[in-house]
Amino acid sequence: MEIHQISFAKISVLRKDLAEITVYNGADIDLNMVDEIHHYLSSIFSDSFSLLINKTNAYSTQLDALIQFGTLTAIDKIAIFAPNKLAKMSAEFSASIPSSTDLNIEVFTDRDEALAWLI
């Protein structure tokens, strides 16, 4: 498994078409960070891919960044692993953002179930 570090998160490449993103505790994701992760994902994957967003850590995402994140066309599916009630509420809100509604997004409280859905 390849692990890449960017300024605010760790990207673990789980398969040739699947990555897990774990944002560092306390990060506040803005538009520049979304551009950074889009650039990085585009450099890792040449075709479409799916993402597991691991919300184990507490972090925030600015609304314009949430909207921008959903615009990367190479994303096939997104599973959000939300291990607690607050993370689940946050994930469900993120999935309801208009640019996200066109994406295939599901929220899970079990990481293994999220991975099974993606695969």
N, C-alpha and C. Protein backbone atom coordinates (compact mmCIF):
# COMPACT_ATOMS: atom_id res chain seq x y z
N MET A 1 0.84 -1.18 0.00
CA MET A 1 0.00 0.00 0.00
C MET A 1 0.89 1.24 0.00
N GLU A 2 0.57 2.14 -0.90
CA GLU A 2 1.28 3.42 -0.94
C GLU A 2 0.59 4.40 0.00
N ILE A 3 1.40 5.18 0.71
CA ILE A 3 0.86 6.23 1.58
C ILE A 3 1.51 7.55 1.18
N HIS A 4 0.68 8.54 0.91
CA HIS A 4 1.14 9.87 0.51
C HIS A 4 0.71 10.87 1.57
N GLN A 5 1.60 11.77 1.92
CA GLN A 5 1.29 12.83 2.87
C GLN A 5 1.12 14.14 2.10
N ILE A 6 0.02 14.83 2.37
CA ILE A 6 -0.13 16.18 1.86
C ILE A 6 -0.25 17.10 3.08
N SER A 7 -0.43 18.37 2.87
CA SER A 7 -0.33 19.32 3.98
C SER A 7 -1.35 19.09 5.09
N PHE A 8 -2.51 18.51 4.78
CA PHE A 8 -3.56 18.39 5.78
C PHE A 8 -4.13 16.98 5.92
N ALA A 9 -3.57 16.01 5.18
CA ALA A 9 -4.15 14.67 5.19
C ALA A 9 -3.15 13.62 4.74
N LYS A 10 -3.56 12.38 4.97
CA LYS A 10 -2.82 11.21 4.49
C LYS A 10 -3.70 10.53 3.45
N ILE A 11 -3.11 10.19 2.30
CA ILE A 11 -3.82 9.47 1.25
C ILE A 11 -3.19 8.08 1.15
N SER A 12 -3.99 7.06 1.42
CA SER A 12 -3.52 5.68 1.32
C SER A 12 -4.13 5.07 0.06
N VAL A 13 -3.29 4.62 -0.85
CA VAL A 13 -3.77 3.98 -2.07
C VAL A 13 -4.00 2.50 -1.72
N LEU A 14 -5.27 2.10 -1.69
CA LEU A 14 -5.65 0.75 -1.29
C LEU A 14 -5.68 -0.22 -2.47
N ARG A 15 -5.99 0.30 -3.64
CA ARG A 15 -6.02 -0.47 -4.90
C ARG A 15 -5.72 0.50 -6.04
N LYS A 16 -5.64 -0.03 -7.25
CA LYS A 16 -5.35 0.84 -8.40
C LYS A 16 -6.48 1.82 -8.70
N ASP A 17 -7.65 1.59 -8.07
CA ASP A 17 -8.81 2.46 -8.30
C ASP A 17 -9.49 2.90 -7.00
N LEU A 18 -8.72 2.87 -5.89
CA LEU A 18 -9.32 3.18 -4.60
C LEU A 18 -8.29 3.79 -3.65
N ALA A 19 -8.67 4.91 -3.04
CA ALA A 19 -7.81 5.56 -2.04
C ALA A 19 -8.63 5.90 -0.80
N GLU A 20 -7.94 5.92 0.32
CA GLU A 20 -8.54 6.35 1.58
C GLU A 20 -7.89 7.67 1.99
N ILE A 21 -8.73 8.64 2.31
CA ILE A 21 -8.24 9.94 2.75
C ILE A 21 -8.55 10.10 4.23
N THR A 22 -7.51 10.35 5.02
CA THR A 22 -7.68 10.61 6.44
C THR A 22 -7.14 12.01 6.72
N VAL A 23 -8.04 12.93 7.01
CA VAL A 23 -7.66 14.32 7.29
C VAL A 23 -7.14 14.40 8.71
N TYR A 24 -6.10 15.20 8.90
CA TYR A 24 -5.50 15.35 10.22
C TYR A 24 -6.44 16.07 11.18
N ASN A 25 -6.35 15.71 12.44
CA ASN A 25 -7.16 16.30 13.49
C ASN A 25 -6.96 17.82 13.54
N GLY A 26 -8.06 18.57 13.58
CA GLY A 26 -8.00 20.02 13.72
C GLY A 26 -7.85 20.80 12.43
N ALA A 27 -7.74 20.12 11.29
CA ALA A 27 -7.59 20.82 10.01
C ALA A 27 -8.87 21.61 9.70
N ASP A 28 -8.71 22.69 8.97
CA ASP A 28 -9.83 23.49 8.45
C ASP A 28 -9.63 23.56 6.94
N ILE A 29 -10.36 22.72 6.23
CA ILE A 29 -10.15 22.56 4.78
C ILE A 29 -10.75 23.75 4.03
N ASP A 30 -9.90 24.37 3.20
CA ASP A 30 -10.33 25.50 2.38
C ASP A 30 -10.15 25.15 0.89
N LEU A 31 -10.44 26.11 0.01
CA LEU A 31 -10.35 25.87 -1.43
C LEU A 31 -8.95 25.47 -1.89
N ASN A 32 -7.92 26.10 -1.32
CA ASN A 32 -6.55 25.74 -1.71
C ASN A 32 -6.24 24.29 -1.37
N MET A 33 -6.74 23.82 -0.24
CA MET A 33 -6.53 22.43 0.15
C MET A 33 -7.26 21.46 -0.78
N VAL A 34 -8.46 21.84 -1.21
CA VAL A 34 -9.20 21.01 -2.17
C VAL A 34 -8.43 20.94 -3.48
N ASP A 35 -7.90 22.07 -3.94
CA ASP A 35 -7.08 22.07 -5.15
C ASP A 35 -5.86 21.16 -4.97
N GLU A 36 -5.25 21.20 -3.79
CA GLU A 36 -4.09 20.35 -3.51
C GLU A 36 -4.46 18.87 -3.60
N ILE A 37 -5.58 18.52 -3.01
CA ILE A 37 -5.96 17.10 -3.03
C ILE A 37 -6.42 16.67 -4.41
N HIS A 38 -7.11 17.53 -5.15
CA HIS A 38 -7.49 17.20 -6.53
C HIS A 38 -6.23 16.96 -7.37
N HIS A 39 -5.26 17.83 -7.24
CA HIS A 39 -4.01 17.69 -8.00
C HIS A 39 -3.33 16.38 -7.64
N TYR A 40 -3.27 16.08 -6.37
CA TYR A 40 -2.58 14.88 -5.92
C TYR A 40 -3.31 13.62 -6.40
N LEU A 41 -4.63 13.60 -6.27
CA LEU A 41 -5.40 12.44 -6.73
C LEU A 41 -5.26 12.25 -8.24
N SER A 42 -5.26 13.35 -8.97
CA SER A 42 -5.10 13.28 -10.43
C SER A 42 -3.72 12.75 -10.82
N SER A 43 -2.72 12.99 -9.99
CA SER A 43 -1.38 12.49 -10.28
C SER A 43 -1.23 11.01 -9.92
N ILE A 44 -2.05 10.53 -9.00
CA ILE A 44 -1.99 9.13 -8.58
C ILE A 44 -2.78 8.22 -9.52
N PHE A 45 -3.98 8.67 -9.92
CA PHE A 45 -4.89 7.85 -10.70
C PHE A 45 -5.01 8.36 -12.13
N SER A 46 -4.88 7.45 -13.09
CA SER A 46 -5.01 7.85 -14.49
C SER A 46 -6.44 7.65 -14.99
N ASP A 47 -7.21 6.79 -14.33
CA ASP A 47 -8.60 6.53 -14.70
C ASP A 47 -9.50 6.92 -13.54
N SER A 48 -10.78 6.59 -13.66
CA SER A 48 -11.70 6.89 -12.56
C SER A 48 -11.33 6.07 -11.33
N PHE A 49 -11.74 6.58 -10.17
CA PHE A 49 -11.38 5.95 -8.90
C PHE A 49 -12.46 6.25 -7.88
N SER A 50 -12.41 5.49 -6.78
CA SER A 50 -13.34 5.70 -5.68
C SER A 50 -12.55 6.12 -4.44
N LEU A 51 -13.26 6.75 -3.51
CA LEU A 51 -12.62 7.26 -2.30
C LEU A 51 -13.33 6.76 -1.05
N LEU A 52 -12.53 6.45 -0.06
CA LEU A 52 -13.02 6.22 1.29
C LEU A 52 -12.55 7.42 2.11
N ILE A 53 -13.50 8.22 2.57
CA ILE A 53 -13.18 9.36 3.42
C ILE A 53 -13.29 8.89 4.86
N ASN A 54 -12.18 8.90 5.57
CA ASN A 54 -12.13 8.42 6.94
C ASN A 54 -12.28 9.62 7.88
N LYS A 55 -13.43 9.70 8.55
CA LYS A 55 -13.72 10.83 9.45
C LYS A 55 -13.44 10.46 10.90
N THR A 56 -12.38 9.69 11.13
CA THR A 56 -11.97 9.34 12.49
C THR A 56 -11.55 10.58 13.26
N ASN A 57 -10.85 11.49 12.60
CA ASN A 57 -10.37 12.71 13.24
C ASN A 57 -11.41 13.83 13.10
N ALA A 58 -11.35 14.78 14.03
CA ALA A 58 -12.25 15.93 13.98
C ALA A 58 -11.60 17.03 13.15
N TYR A 59 -12.31 17.50 12.13
CA TYR A 59 -11.83 18.59 11.28
C TYR A 59 -13.04 19.30 10.70
N SER A 60 -12.80 20.46 10.12
CA SER A 60 -13.89 21.22 9.51
C SER A 60 -13.57 21.47 8.04
N THR A 61 -14.63 21.71 7.29
CA THR A 61 -14.48 21.99 5.86
C THR A 61 -15.34 23.20 5.53
N GLN A 62 -14.73 24.22 4.93
CA GLN A 62 -15.48 25.40 4.55
C GLN A 62 -16.47 25.04 3.43
N LEU A 63 -17.61 25.71 3.41
CA LEU A 63 -18.68 25.37 2.47
C LEU A 63 -18.20 25.43 1.02
N ASP A 64 -17.47 26.46 0.63
CA ASP A 64 -17.01 26.55 -0.75
C ASP A 64 -16.05 25.40 -1.09
N ALA A 65 -15.32 24.91 -0.09
CA ALA A 65 -14.43 23.77 -0.31
C ALA A 65 -15.24 22.49 -0.50
N LEU A 66 -16.30 22.34 0.27
CA LEU A 66 -17.19 21.17 0.10
C LEU A 66 -17.78 21.15 -1.31
N ILE A 67 -18.22 22.30 -1.76
CA ILE A 67 -18.81 22.40 -3.10
C ILE A 67 -17.76 22.05 -4.16
N GLN A 68 -16.56 22.56 -4.02
CA GLN A 68 -15.48 22.32 -4.99
C GLN A 68 -15.04 20.87 -5.00
N PHE A 69 -15.02 20.22 -3.84
CA PHE A 69 -14.53 18.84 -3.77
C PHE A 69 -15.33 17.92 -4.68
N GLY A 70 -16.63 18.13 -4.75
CA GLY A 70 -17.49 17.27 -5.56
C GLY A 70 -17.39 17.47 -7.05
N THR A 71 -16.52 18.35 -7.50
CA THR A 71 -16.44 18.64 -8.94
C THR A 71 -15.37 17.83 -9.68
N LEU A 72 -14.60 17.03 -8.98
CA LEU A 72 -13.57 16.22 -9.64
C LEU A 72 -14.26 15.07 -10.37
N THR A 73 -14.26 15.13 -11.70
CA THR A 73 -15.07 14.21 -12.50
C THR A 73 -14.56 12.77 -12.50
N ALA A 74 -13.33 12.54 -12.12
CA ALA A 74 -12.78 11.18 -12.12
C ALA A 74 -13.28 10.33 -10.95
N ILE A 75 -13.96 10.96 -9.98
CA ILE A 75 -14.45 10.22 -8.83
C ILE A 75 -15.65 9.38 -9.23
N ASP A 76 -15.55 8.08 -8.95
CA ASP A 76 -16.63 7.15 -9.25
C ASP A 76 -17.62 7.09 -8.08
N LYS A 77 -17.14 6.68 -6.92
CA LYS A 77 -17.98 6.58 -5.71
C LYS A 77 -17.20 7.09 -4.51
N ILE A 78 -17.94 7.57 -3.51
CA ILE A 78 -17.34 8.00 -2.25
C ILE A 78 -18.08 7.33 -1.11
N ALA A 79 -17.32 6.63 -0.28
CA ALA A 79 -17.86 6.10 0.97
C ALA A 79 -17.26 6.93 2.10
N ILE A 80 -18.09 7.36 3.01
CA ILE A 80 -17.61 8.13 4.14
C ILE A 80 -17.74 7.26 5.39
N PHE A 81 -16.60 6.99 6.02
CA PHE A 81 -16.59 6.23 7.26
C PHE A 81 -16.71 7.23 8.40
N ALA A 82 -17.85 7.19 9.08
CA ALA A 82 -18.15 8.11 10.18
C ALA A 82 -18.34 7.28 11.45
N PRO A 83 -17.30 7.14 12.27
CA PRO A 83 -17.35 6.22 13.40
C PRO A 83 -18.16 6.68 14.62
N ASN A 84 -18.62 7.92 14.61
CA ASN A 84 -19.42 8.38 15.76
C ASN A 84 -20.56 9.28 15.26
N LYS A 85 -21.44 9.64 16.18
CA LYS A 85 -22.66 10.38 15.82
C LYS A 85 -22.35 11.75 15.18
N LEU A 86 -21.40 12.48 15.76
CA LEU A 86 -21.05 13.80 15.22
C LEU A 86 -20.45 13.68 13.82
N ALA A 87 -19.57 12.72 13.63
CA ALA A 87 -18.97 12.50 12.31
C ALA A 87 -20.04 12.10 11.30
N LYS A 88 -21.01 11.30 11.73
CA LYS A 88 -22.09 10.87 10.83
C LYS A 88 -22.95 12.06 10.42
N MET A 89 -23.29 12.93 11.37
CA MET A 89 -24.08 14.11 11.04
C MET A 89 -23.33 15.01 10.06
N SER A 90 -22.04 15.20 10.29
CA SER A 90 -21.21 16.01 9.41
C SER A 90 -21.15 15.39 8.01
N ALA A 91 -20.97 14.09 7.95
CA ALA A 91 -20.88 13.39 6.67
C ALA A 91 -22.19 13.48 5.90
N GLU A 92 -23.29 13.32 6.58
CA GLU A 92 -24.59 13.41 5.91
C GLU A 92 -24.84 14.81 5.37
N PHE A 93 -24.41 15.84 6.12
CA PHE A 93 -24.52 17.22 5.62
C PHE A 93 -23.66 17.39 4.37
N SER A 94 -22.43 16.91 4.41
CA SER A 94 -21.52 17.04 3.26
C SER A 94 -22.11 16.36 2.03
N ALA A 95 -22.72 15.20 2.21
CA ALA A 95 -23.29 14.46 1.10
C ALA A 95 -24.51 15.16 0.50
N SER A 96 -25.10 16.10 1.25
CA SER A 96 -26.29 16.80 0.76
C SER A 96 -25.96 18.09 0.01
N ILE A 97 -24.69 18.48 -0.04
CA ILE A 97 -24.29 19.69 -0.76
C ILE A 97 -24.60 19.50 -2.25
N PRO A 98 -25.16 20.50 -2.93
CA PRO A 98 -25.59 20.33 -4.32
C PRO A 98 -24.55 19.70 -5.26
N SER A 99 -23.28 20.08 -5.17
CA SER A 99 -22.30 19.49 -6.08
C SER A 99 -22.04 18.03 -5.72
N SER A 100 -22.39 17.63 -4.51
CA SER A 100 -22.19 16.25 -4.08
C SER A 100 -23.36 15.35 -4.45
N THR A 101 -24.52 15.93 -4.66
CA THR A 101 -25.70 15.10 -4.90
C THR A 101 -25.62 14.33 -6.21
N ASP A 102 -24.82 14.79 -7.16
CA ASP A 102 -24.64 14.07 -8.41
C ASP A 102 -23.66 12.91 -8.25
N LEU A 103 -22.92 12.90 -7.15
CA LEU A 103 -21.96 11.83 -6.88
C LEU A 103 -22.66 10.67 -6.19
N ASN A 104 -22.06 9.51 -6.32
CA ASN A 104 -22.56 8.32 -5.64
C ASN A 104 -21.88 8.26 -4.27
N ILE A 105 -22.55 8.79 -3.24
CA ILE A 105 -21.98 8.90 -1.89
C ILE A 105 -22.86 8.14 -0.90
N GLU A 106 -22.20 7.37 -0.05
CA GLU A 106 -22.89 6.67 1.04
C GLU A 106 -22.10 6.90 2.33
N VAL A 107 -22.80 6.96 3.44
CA VAL A 107 -22.19 7.14 4.76
C VAL A 107 -22.31 5.82 5.53
N PHE A 108 -21.21 5.42 6.15
CA PHE A 108 -21.16 4.16 6.89
C PHE A 108 -20.58 4.40 8.28
N THR A 109 -21.04 3.62 9.25
CA THR A 109 -20.46 3.67 10.59
C THR A 109 -19.46 2.54 10.80
N ASP A 110 -19.32 1.66 9.81
CA ASP A 110 -18.37 0.55 9.86
C ASP A 110 -17.44 0.65 8.65
N ARG A 111 -16.14 0.71 8.90
CA ARG A 111 -15.16 0.89 7.82
C ARG A 111 -15.18 -0.28 6.84
N ASP A 112 -15.28 -1.50 7.35
CA ASP A 112 -15.30 -2.67 6.48
C ASP A 112 -16.50 -2.67 5.55
N GLU A 113 -17.66 -2.24 6.06
CA GLU A 113 -18.85 -2.13 5.22
C GLU A 113 -18.65 -1.07 4.13
N ALA A 114 -18.01 0.03 4.49
CA ALA A 114 -17.72 1.08 3.50
C ALA A 114 -16.83 0.55 2.40
N LEU A 115 -15.77 -0.17 2.78
CA LEU A 115 -14.86 -0.74 1.77
C LEU A 115 -15.58 -1.76 0.89
N ALA A 116 -16.40 -2.60 1.50
CA ALA A 116 -17.15 -3.61 0.72
C ALA A 116 -18.06 -2.94 -0.30
N TRP A 117 -18.69 -1.84 0.08
CA TRP A 117 -19.57 -1.11 -0.84
C TRP A 117 -18.78 -0.52 -2.00
N LEU A 118 -17.59 -0.02 -1.71
CA LEU A 118 -16.76 0.58 -2.75
C LEU A 118 -16.23 -0.46 -3.75
N ILE A 119 -15.95 -1.64 -3.25
CA ILE A 119 -15.37 -2.69 -4.09
C ILE A 119 -16.49 -3.45 -4.77
